[in-house]
Amino acid sequence: MKNISLAFNVILTIAVGILFWLHFKGSKGGEPTRQINFGDKNMKIAYVNVEKIDSNYKYITEKRAIMEKEVELSRNSLASAEQSLSGEQQKLQKEAYDLENNSSISMTDKYNKQKELQVRYDKFQQEYAIYQQRKDAMEKDLDIKIQDFNKNMMESLNNNIKKYNLNQQYDYILTKQQMLYANDSLDITQDILQLLNEEYETTK
């Protein structure tokens, strides 16, 4: 099973990092600390703190909690089945060893016992195959859920940052984690978080 929290953090960093807008009209007046002069053009720039979004976006925090619980339940279920199979395997191996080294048993009884062990071993193999199928299915299901989560999160981020930028008209919206230094006046994280959480509460 994957480390959900780490996966979400990596996905979110990549997702926000590619969200930027070029060629928007620069605002007149307003907030001079958010504008940088590049030759003849004043470009309006802001940034988003990914860590704050990861910790405070309700869609992420609630979905993560649900999926982590599902992972825990799956792990516990698989661990129980694996323990049972391991015990049966050790038991079969011991009985086969004892039978092979038992000189007091008759050839007929030894033959019958070997047939019985073979039947039990075949059943064990079938149960192990079923266990492996369950494990693979659980992992595949988790992968699909993470992909769906990633897709929904990307759409939400894109839509809300575009919506926010209709009025603000930023040329670039970056991530704080990708910059060596950023003035706090450029931080629009709280505004984006408010939009994200309002949308999530509406669509729940």
Foldseek 3Di string as FASTA:
>chain_A
DDDLLVVVLVLLQVLQAPDWAADFDADPDDDPVQWDDDDPDTAGEFEAASVCCCVQQCLNVVVSVVLVVVVVVLVVVLVVLVVVLVVLVVVLVVVVVCLVPDPVDDPVVSVVVVVVSVVSVVVSVVSVVVSVVSVVVSVVVSVVVVVVSSVVVSVLLNVLVVVVCVPVRGRTYHYPVVDPDDDPVRYCHVVSSVSSNVVVVVVD
